[in-house]
PDB file of N, CA and C in Angstrom:
ATOM      1  N   MET A   1      -1.318 -15.384  13.038  1.00  0.00           N
ATOM      2  CA  MET A   1      -0.816 -14.310  12.196  1.00  0.00           C
ATOM      3  C   MET A   1      -1.413 -12.967  12.583  1.00  0.00           C
ATOM      4  N   LYS A   2      -2.349 -12.968  13.492  1.00  0.00           N
ATOM      5  CA  LYS A   2      -2.940 -11.697  13.898  1.00  0.00           C
ATOM      6  C   LYS A   2      -1.873 -10.825  14.526  1.00  0.00           C
ATOM      7  N   ASN A   3      -1.883  -9.576  14.146  1.00  0.00           N
ATOM      8  CA  ASN A   3      -0.932  -8.636  14.710  1.00  0.00           C
ATOM      9  C   ASN A   3      -1.463  -7.230  14.523  1.00  0.00           C
ATOM     10  N   ASN A   4      -0.737  -6.281  15.006  1.00  0.00           N
ATOM     11  CA  ASN A   4      -1.145  -4.888  14.874  1.00  0.00           C
ATOM     12  C   ASN A   4      -0.399  -4.200  13.751  1.00  0.00           C
ATOM     13  N   SER A   5       0.026  -4.965  12.781  1.00  0.00           N
ATOM     14  CA  SER A   5       0.790  -4.429  11.663  1.00  0.00           C
ATOM     15  C   SER A   5      -0.054  -3.426  10.883  1.00  0.00           C
ATOM     16  N   ASN A   6       0.631  -2.505  10.232  1.00  0.00           N
ATOM     17  CA  ASN A   6      -0.075  -1.546   9.386  1.00  0.00           C
ATOM     18  C   ASN A   6       0.048  -1.914   7.911  1.00  0.00           C
ATOM     19  N   LYS A   7       0.456  -3.153   7.647  1.00  0.00           N
ATOM     20  CA  LYS A   7       0.587  -3.612   6.260  1.00  0.00           C
ATOM     21  C   LYS A   7      -0.374  -4.771   6.017  1.00  0.00           C
ATOM     22  N   PRO A   8      -1.063  -4.754   4.873  1.00  0.00           N
ATOM     23  CA  PRO A   8      -1.932  -5.890   4.559  1.00  0.00           C
ATOM     24  C   PRO A   8      -1.113  -7.133   4.227  1.00  0.00           C
ATOM     25  N   VAL A   9      -1.719  -8.290   4.428  1.00  0.00           N
ATOM     26  CA  VAL A   9      -1.092  -9.567   4.095  1.00  0.00           C
ATOM     27  C   VAL A   9      -1.786 -10.082   2.839  1.00  0.00           C
ATOM     28  N   LEU A  10      -1.006 -10.365   1.786  1.00  0.00           N
ATOM     29  CA  LEU A  10      -1.556 -10.814   0.512  1.00  0.00           C
ATOM     30  C   LEU A  10      -1.344 -12.306   0.328  1.00  0.00           C
ATOM     31  N   PHE A  11      -2.353 -12.964  -0.237  1.00  0.00           N
ATOM     32  CA  PHE A  11      -2.277 -14.384  -0.567  1.00  0.00           C
ATOM     33  C   PHE A  11      -2.676 -14.539  -2.035  1.00  0.00           C
ATOM     34  N   ASN A  12      -1.716 -14.761  -2.908  1.00  0.00           N
ATOM     35  CA  ASN A  12      -1.993 -14.971  -4.330  1.00  0.00           C
ATOM     36  C   ASN A  12      -2.315 -16.450  -4.528  1.00  0.00           C
ATOM     37  N   LEU A  13      -3.589 -16.758  -4.785  1.00  0.00           N
ATOM     38  CA  LEU A  13      -4.028 -18.145  -4.852  1.00  0.00           C
ATOM     39  C   LEU A  13      -3.548 -18.880  -6.096  1.00  0.00           C
ATOM     40  N   GLU A  14      -2.975 -18.177  -7.043  1.00  0.00           N
ATOM     41  CA  GLU A  14      -2.434 -18.828  -8.240  1.00  0.00           C
ATOM     42  C   GLU A  14      -1.066 -19.449  -7.977  1.00  0.00           C
ATOM     43  N   ILE A  15      -0.463 -19.104  -6.837  1.00  0.00           N
ATOM     44  CA  ILE A  15       0.839 -19.647  -6.442  1.00  0.00           C
ATOM     45  C   ILE A  15       0.587 -20.700  -5.366  1.00  0.00           C
ATOM     46  N   ASP A  16       0.998 -21.933  -5.626  1.00  0.00           N
ATOM     47  CA  ASP A  16       0.704 -23.053  -4.727  1.00  0.00           C
ATOM     48  C   ASP A  16       1.080 -22.765  -3.275  1.00  0.00           C
ATOM     49  N   SER A  17       2.279 -22.234  -3.044  1.00  0.00           N
ATOM     50  CA  SER A  17       2.722 -21.982  -1.666  1.00  0.00           C
ATOM     51  C   SER A  17       1.854 -20.911  -0.993  1.00  0.00           C
ATOM     52  N   GLU A  18       1.414 -19.918  -1.758  1.00  0.00           N
ATOM     53  CA  GLU A  18       0.552 -18.873  -1.202  1.00  0.00           C
ATOM     54  C   GLU A  18      -0.839 -19.426  -0.893  1.00  0.00           C
ATOM     55  N   ARG A  19      -1.347 -20.295  -1.766  1.00  0.00           N
ATOM     56  CA  ARG A  19      -2.649 -20.912  -1.540  1.00  0.00           C
ATOM     57  C   ARG A  19      -2.614 -21.757  -0.262  1.00  0.00           C
ATOM     58  N   LYS A  20      -1.521 -22.507  -0.054  1.00  0.00           N
ATOM     59  CA  LYS A  20      -1.377 -23.306   1.166  1.00  0.00           C
ATOM     60  C   LYS A  20      -1.310 -22.397   2.391  1.00  0.00           C
ATOM     61  N   LYS A  21      -0.582 -21.286   2.301  1.00  0.00           N
ATOM     62  CA  LYS A  21      -0.511 -20.336   3.418  1.00  0.00           C
ATOM     63  C   LYS A  21      -1.900 -19.796   3.747  1.00  0.00           C
ATOM     64  N   PHE A  22      -2.685 -19.519   2.711  1.00  0.00           N
ATOM     65  CA  PHE A  22      -4.031 -18.989   2.924  1.00  0.00           C
ATOM     66  C   PHE A  22      -4.923 -20.035   3.602  1.00  0.00           C
ATOM     67  N   ILE A  23      -4.843 -21.274   3.149  1.00  0.00           N
ATOM     68  CA  ILE A  23      -5.627 -22.353   3.758  1.00  0.00           C
ATOM     69  C   ILE A  23      -5.243 -22.500   5.223  1.00  0.00           C
ATOM     70  N   ASP A  24      -3.952 -22.494   5.516  1.00  0.00           N
ATOM     71  CA  ASP A  24      -3.481 -22.585   6.902  1.00  0.00           C
ATOM     72  C   ASP A  24      -3.934 -21.373   7.715  1.00  0.00           C
ATOM     73  N   PHE A  25      -3.869 -20.197   7.106  1.00  0.00           N
ATOM     74  CA  PHE A  25      -4.284 -18.970   7.775  1.00  0.00           C
ATOM     75  C   PHE A  25      -5.759 -19.058   8.185  1.00  0.00           C
ATOM     76  N   LYS A  26      -6.603 -19.551   7.271  1.00  0.00           N
ATOM     77  CA  LYS A  26      -8.029 -19.677   7.583  1.00  0.00           C
ATOM     78  C   LYS A  26      -8.274 -20.683   8.710  1.00  0.00           C
ATOM     79  N   LYS A  27      -7.504 -21.770   8.719  1.00  0.00           N
ATOM     80  CA  LYS A  27      -7.652 -22.775   9.778  1.00  0.00           C
ATOM     81  C   LYS A  27      -7.251 -22.210  11.136  1.00  0.00           C
ATOM     82  N   GLU A  28      -6.206 -21.380  11.143  1.00  0.00           N
ATOM     83  CA  GLU A  28      -5.682 -20.826  12.392  1.00  0.00           C
ATOM     84  C   GLU A  28      -6.464 -19.619  12.889  1.00  0.00           C
ATOM     85  N   ASN A  29      -7.257 -19.003  12.022  1.00  0.00           N
ATOM     86  CA  ASN A  29      -7.956 -17.760  12.367  1.00  0.00           C
ATOM     87  C   ASN A  29      -9.448 -17.894  12.086  1.00  0.00           C
ATOM     88  N   THR A  30     -10.085 -18.750  12.840  1.00  0.00           N
ATOM     89  CA  THR A  30     -11.507 -19.031  12.594  1.00  0.00           C
ATOM     90  C   THR A  30     -12.427 -17.895  13.028  1.00  0.00           C
ATOM     91  N   ASP A  31     -11.923 -16.962  13.806  1.00  0.00           N
ATOM     92  CA  ASP A  31     -12.764 -15.862  14.281  1.00  0.00           C
ATOM     93  C   ASP A  31     -12.750 -14.649  13.346  1.00  0.00           C
ATOM     94  N   ILE A  32     -12.043 -14.748  12.237  1.00  0.00           N
ATOM     95  CA  ILE A  32     -11.977 -13.650  11.277  1.00  0.00           C
ATOM     96  C   ILE A  32     -13.114 -13.791  10.278  1.00  0.00           C
ATOM     97  N   ALA A  33     -13.774 -12.691   9.958  1.00  0.00           N
ATOM     98  CA  ALA A  33     -14.833 -12.698   8.947  1.00  0.00           C
ATOM     99  C   ALA A  33     -14.188 -12.644   7.558  1.00  0.00           C
ATOM    100  N   TYR A  34     -14.601 -13.556   6.701  1.00  0.00           N
ATOM    101  CA  TYR A  34     -14.075 -13.603   5.335  1.00  0.00           C
ATOM    102  C   TYR A  34     -15.131 -13.049   4.398  1.00  0.00           C
ATOM    103  N   VAL A  35     -14.768 -11.994   3.667  1.00  0.00           N
ATOM    104  CA  VAL A  35     -15.688 -11.354   2.738  1.00  0.00           C
ATOM    105  C   VAL A  35     -15.196 -11.658   1.329  1.00  0.00           C
ATOM    106  N   ASP A  36     -16.008 -12.403   0.596  1.00  0.00           N
ATOM    107  CA  ASP A  36     -15.630 -12.830  -0.753  1.00  0.00           C
ATOM    108  C   ASP A  36     -16.612 -12.257  -1.759  1.00  0.00           C
ATOM    109  N   THR A  37     -16.173 -11.264  -2.518  1.00  0.00           N
ATOM    110  CA  THR A  37     -17.035 -10.645  -3.529  1.00  0.00           C
ATOM    111  C   THR A  37     -16.499 -10.848  -4.937  1.00  0.00           C
ATOM    112  N   LEU A  38     -15.514 -11.711  -5.091  1.00  0.00           N
ATOM    113  CA  LEU A  38     -14.889 -11.877  -6.405  1.00  0.00           C
ATOM    114  C   LEU A  38     -15.880 -12.374  -7.452  1.00  0.00           C
ATOM    115  N   GLY A  39     -16.743 -13.311  -7.085  1.00  0.00           N
ATOM    116  CA  GLY A  39     -17.732 -13.807  -8.030  1.00  0.00           C
ATOM    117  C   GLY A  39     -18.664 -12.706  -8.517  1.00  0.00           C
ATOM    118  N   GLU A  40     -19.110 -11.845  -7.595  1.00  0.00           N
ATOM    119  CA  GLU A  40     -19.966 -10.714  -7.970  1.00  0.00           C
ATOM    120  C   GLU A  40     -19.212  -9.732  -8.863  1.00  0.00           C
ATOM    121  N   GLN A  41     -17.939  -9.487  -8.522  1.00  0.00           N
ATOM    122  CA  GLN A  41     -17.142  -8.562  -9.328  1.00  0.00           C
ATOM    123  C   GLN A  41     -16.942  -9.095 -10.745  1.00  0.00           C
ATOM    124  N   GLU A  42     -16.681 -10.395 -10.858  1.00  0.00           N
ATOM    125  CA  GLU A  42     -16.510 -11.008 -12.187  1.00  0.00           C
ATOM    126  C   GLU A  42     -17.802 -10.923 -12.983  1.00  0.00           C
ATOM    127  N   HIS A  43     -18.951 -11.129 -12.321  1.00  0.00           N
ATOM    128  CA  HIS A  43     -20.246 -11.027 -12.997  1.00  0.00           C
ATOM    129  C   HIS A  43     -20.454  -9.598 -13.514  1.00  0.00           C
ATOM    130  N   GLU A  44     -20.172  -8.612 -12.668  1.00  0.00           N
ATOM    131  CA  GLU A  44     -20.357  -7.217 -13.055  1.00  0.00           C
ATOM    132  C   GLU A  44     -19.454  -6.824 -14.216  1.00  0.00           C
ATOM    133  N   ILE A  45     -18.195  -7.246 -14.184  1.00  0.00           N
ATOM    134  CA  ILE A  45     -17.289  -6.885 -15.288  1.00  0.00           C
ATOM    135  C   ILE A  45     -17.730  -7.565 -16.571  1.00  0.00           C
ATOM    136  N   GLY A  46     -18.313  -8.754 -16.448  1.00  0.00           N
ATOM    137  CA  GLY A  46     -18.861  -9.420 -17.632  1.00  0.00           C
ATOM    138  C   GLY A  46     -19.989  -8.616 -18.246  1.00  0.00           C
ATOM    139  N   LEU A  47     -20.849  -8.023 -17.413  1.00  0.00           N
ATOM    140  CA  LEU A  47     -21.935  -7.187 -17.924  1.00  0.00           C
ATOM    141  C   LEU A  47     -21.408  -5.885 -18.519  1.00  0.00           C
ATOM    142  N   ILE A  48     -20.395  -5.338 -17.898  1.00  0.00           N
ATOM    143  CA  ILE A  48     -19.797  -4.099 -18.421  1.00  0.00           C
ATOM    144  C   ILE A  48     -19.185  -4.353 -19.797  1.00  0.00           C
ATOM    145  N   ASN A  49     -18.521  -5.491 -19.934  1.00  0.00           N
ATOM    146  CA  ASN A  49     -17.892  -5.825 -21.214  1.00  0.00           C
ATOM    147  C   ASN A  49     -18.894  -6.280 -22.268  1.00  0.00           C
ATOM    148  N   ASN A  50     -20.101  -6.668 -21.848  1.00  0.00           N
ATOM    149  CA  ASN A  50     -21.145  -7.127 -22.773  1.00  0.00           C
ATOM    150  C   ASN A  50     -22.480  -6.480 -22.404  1.00  0.00           C
ATOM    151  N   PRO A  51     -22.643  -5.182 -22.649  1.00  0.00           N
ATOM    152  CA  PRO A  51     -23.845  -4.466 -22.214  1.00  0.00           C
ATOM    153  C   PRO A  51     -25.151  -5.064 -22.742  1.00  0.00           C
ATOM    154  N   SER A  52     -25.103  -5.786 -23.847  1.00  0.00           N
ATOM    155  CA  SER A  52     -26.336  -6.377 -24.376  1.00  0.00           C
ATOM    156  C   SER A  52     -26.896  -7.448 -23.444  1.00  0.00           C
ATOM    157  N   LEU A  53     -26.088  -7.940 -22.501  1.00  0.00           N
ATOM    158  CA  LEU A  53     -26.540  -8.956 -21.555  1.00  0.00           C
ATOM    159  C   LEU A  53     -27.243  -8.368 -20.329  1.00  0.00           C
ATOM    160  N   ILE A  54     -27.216  -7.047 -20.206  1.00  0.00           N
ATOM    161  CA  ILE A  54     -27.790  -6.414 -19.024  1.00  0.00           C
ATOM    162  C   ILE A  54     -29.309  -6.546 -19.051  1.00  0.00           C
ATOM    163  N   SER A  55     -29.851  -7.079 -17.962  1.00  0.00           N
ATOM    164  CA  SER A  55     -31.291  -7.209 -17.769  1.00  0.00           C
ATOM    165  C   SER A  55     -31.565  -7.170 -16.278  1.00  0.00           C
ATOM    166  N   HIS A  56     -32.836  -7.081 -15.917  1.00  0.00           N
ATOM    167  CA  HIS A  56     -33.173  -7.060 -14.488  1.00  0.00           C
ATOM    168  C   HIS A  56     -32.680  -8.327 -13.789  1.00  0.00           C
ATOM    169  N   SER A  57     -32.858  -9.466 -14.428  1.00  0.00           N
ATOM    170  CA  SER A  57     -32.425 -10.712 -13.777  1.00  0.00           C
ATOM    171  C   SER A  57     -30.903 -10.796 -13.677  1.00  0.00           C
ATOM    172  N   ASN A  58     -30.187 -10.260 -14.666  1.00  0.00           N
ATOM    173  CA  ASN A  58     -28.725 -10.276 -14.608  1.00  0.00           C
ATOM    174  C   ASN A  58     -28.164  -9.290 -13.589  1.00  0.00           C
ATOM    175  N   LEU A  59     -28.982  -8.345 -13.156  1.00  0.00           N
ATOM    176  CA  LEU A  59     -28.528  -7.388 -12.150  1.00  0.00           C
ATOM    177  C   LEU A  59     -28.927  -7.803 -10.740  1.00  0.00           C
ATOM    178  N   ALA A  60     -29.593  -8.946 -10.608  1.00  0.00           N
ATOM    179  CA  ALA A  60     -30.025  -9.425  -9.292  1.00  0.00           C
ATOM    180  C   ALA A  60     -28.820  -9.638  -8.378  1.00  0.00           C
ATOM    181  N   ALA A  61     -29.012  -9.406  -7.104  1.00  0.00           N
ATOM    182  CA  ALA A  61     -27.912  -9.446  -6.139  1.00  0.00           C
ATOM    183  C   ALA A  61     -27.274 -10.823  -6.000  1.00  0.00           C
ATOM    184  N   ASP A  62     -28.020 -11.883  -6.284  1.00  0.00           N
ATOM    185  CA  ASP A  62     -27.459 -13.213  -6.072  1.00  0.00           C
ATOM    186  C   ASP A  62     -26.737 -13.773  -7.290  1.00  0.00           C
ATOM    187  N   ASN A  63     -26.621 -12.997  -8.340  1.00  0.00           N
ATOM    188  CA  ASN A  63     -25.875 -13.445  -9.520  1.00  0.00           C
ATOM    189  C   ASN A  63     -24.390 -13.278  -9.279  1.00  0.00           C
ATOM    190  N   LYS A  64     -23.657 -14.336  -9.560  1.00  0.00           N
ATOM    191  CA  LYS A  64     -22.201 -14.237  -9.473  1.00  0.00           C
ATOM    192  C   LYS A  64     -21.576 -15.260 -10.404  1.00  0.00           C
ATOM    193  N   ALA A  65     -20.399 -14.946 -10.856  1.00  0.00           N
ATOM    194  CA  ALA A  65     -19.665 -15.842 -11.739  1.00  0.00           C
ATOM    195  C   ALA A  65     -19.019 -16.943 -10.912  1.00  0.00           C
ATOM    196  N   LEU A  66     -18.831 -18.093 -11.530  1.00  0.00           N
ATOM    197  CA  LEU A  66     -18.086 -19.166 -10.868  1.00  0.00           C
ATOM    198  C   LEU A  66     -16.603 -18.813 -10.909  1.00  0.00           C
ATOM    199  N   VAL A  67     -15.963 -18.920  -9.767  1.00  0.00           N
ATOM    200  CA  VAL A  67     -14.551 -18.562  -9.654  1.00  0.00           C
ATOM    201  C   VAL A  67     -13.786 -19.783  -9.170  1.00  0.00           C
ATOM    202  N   LYS A  68     -12.681 -20.094  -9.829  1.00  0.00           N
ATOM    203  CA  LYS A  68     -11.847 -21.226  -9.431  1.00  0.00           C
ATOM    204  C   LYS A  68     -11.235 -20.982  -8.052  1.00  0.00           C
ATOM    205  N   ASP A  69     -10.962 -22.065  -7.336  1.00  0.00           N
ATOM    206  CA  ASP A  69     -10.356 -21.961  -6.010  1.00  0.00           C
ATOM    207  C   ASP A  69      -8.940 -21.400  -6.048  1.00  0.00           C
ATOM    208  N   ASN A  70      -8.290 -21.480  -7.194  1.00  0.00           N
ATOM    209  CA  ASN A  70      -6.910 -21.001  -7.297  1.00  0.00           C
ATOM    210  C   ASN A  70      -6.831 -19.715  -8.101  1.00  0.00           C
ATOM    211  N   TYR A  71      -7.857 -18.870  -7.988  1.00  0.00           N
ATOM    212  CA  TYR A  71      -7.904 -17.626  -8.756  1.00  0.00           C
ATOM    213  C   TYR A  71      -8.039 -16.451  -7.801  1.00  0.00           C
ATOM    214  N   GLY A  72      -7.287 -15.412  -8.055  1.00  0.00           N
ATOM    215  CA  GLY A  72      -7.438 -14.184  -7.297  1.00  0.00           C
ATOM    216  C   GLY A  72      -6.414 -14.022  -6.186  1.00  0.00           C
ATOM    217  N   VAL A  73      -6.526 -12.884  -5.540  1.00  0.00           N
ATOM    218  CA  VAL A  73      -5.648 -12.543  -4.423  1.00  0.00           C
ATOM    219  C   VAL A  73      -6.520 -12.176  -3.236  1.00  0.00           C
ATOM    220  N   TRP A  74      -6.313 -12.877  -2.120  1.00  0.00           N
ATOM    221  CA  TRP A  74      -6.999 -12.541  -0.881  1.00  0.00           C
ATOM    222  C   TRP A  74      -6.114 -11.584  -0.107  1.00  0.00           C
ATOM    223  N   VAL A  75      -6.747 -10.637   0.589  1.00  0.00           N
ATOM    224  CA  VAL A  75      -6.009  -9.651   1.376  1.00  0.00           C
ATOM    225  C   VAL A  75      -6.543  -9.655   2.797  1.00  0.00           C
ATOM    226  N   TYR A  76      -5.628  -9.744   3.752  1.00  0.00           N
ATOM    227  CA  TYR A  76      -5.986  -9.632   5.163  1.00  0.00           C
ATOM    228  C   TYR A  76      -5.492  -8.281   5.661  1.00  0.00           C
ATOM    229  N   PHE A  77      -6.425  -7.498   6.217  1.00  0.00           N
ATOM    230  CA  PHE A  77      -6.095  -6.200   6.780  1.00  0.00           C
ATOM    231  C   PHE A  77      -6.093  -6.340   8.301  1.00  0.00           C
ATOM    232  N   PRO A  78      -4.921  -6.456   8.930  1.00  0.00           N
ATOM    233  CA  PRO A  78      -4.851  -6.711  10.378  1.00  0.00           C
ATOM    234  C   PRO A  78      -5.546  -5.652  11.226  1.00  0.00           C
ATOM    235  N   TRP A  79      -5.667  -4.447  10.749  1.00  0.00           N
ATOM    236  CA  TRP A  79      -6.227  -3.362  11.540  1.00  0.00           C
ATOM    237  C   TRP A  79      -7.746  -3.246  11.400  1.00  0.00           C
ATOM    238  N   MET A  80      -8.354  -4.033  10.507  1.00  0.00           N
ATOM    239  CA  MET A  80      -9.790  -3.921  10.283  1.00  0.00           C
ATOM    240  C   MET A  80     -10.559  -4.955  11.105  1.00  0.00           C
ATOM    241  N   THR A  81     -11.704  -4.542  11.609  1.00  0.00           N
ATOM    242  CA  THR A  81     -12.607  -5.469  12.276  1.00  0.00           C
ATOM    243  C   THR A  81     -14.008  -5.212  11.756  1.00  0.00           C
ATOM    244  N   LEU A  82     -14.829  -6.251  11.752  1.00  0.00           N
ATOM    245  CA  LEU A  82     -16.227  -6.124  11.358  1.00  0.00           C
ATOM    246  C   LEU A  82     -17.084  -6.322  12.598  1.00  0.00           C
ATOM    247  N   ASN A  83     -18.078  -5.502  12.766  1.00  0.00           N
ATOM    248  CA  ASN A  83     -19.008  -5.700  13.867  1.00  0.00           C
ATOM    249  C   ASN A  83     -19.999  -6.776  13.450  1.00  0.00           C
ATOM    250  N   ARG A  84     -19.958  -7.884  14.149  1.00  0.00           N
ATOM    251  CA  ARG A  84     -20.876  -8.980  13.817  1.00  0.00           C
ATOM    252  C   ARG A  84     -21.953  -9.091  14.854  1.00  0.00           C
TER     253      ARG A  84
END
């Protein structure tokens, strides 16, 4: 699926066919870096919605919410590369 397109490719994991496409995409593109911050984002929004829970330990970098495998939207940006 790698190409020089200027449009991102979206995978909505709540839709079975999209989740399968994403799984296949990952199998076919093993050299792509996958950046997953959804768990951290969910943790942060939880703290924003419940400020009384904010503490030093809750702000630690390794805190993240558990996210279901069929939740969220993954986006592939064909024009982006990460220096590894």
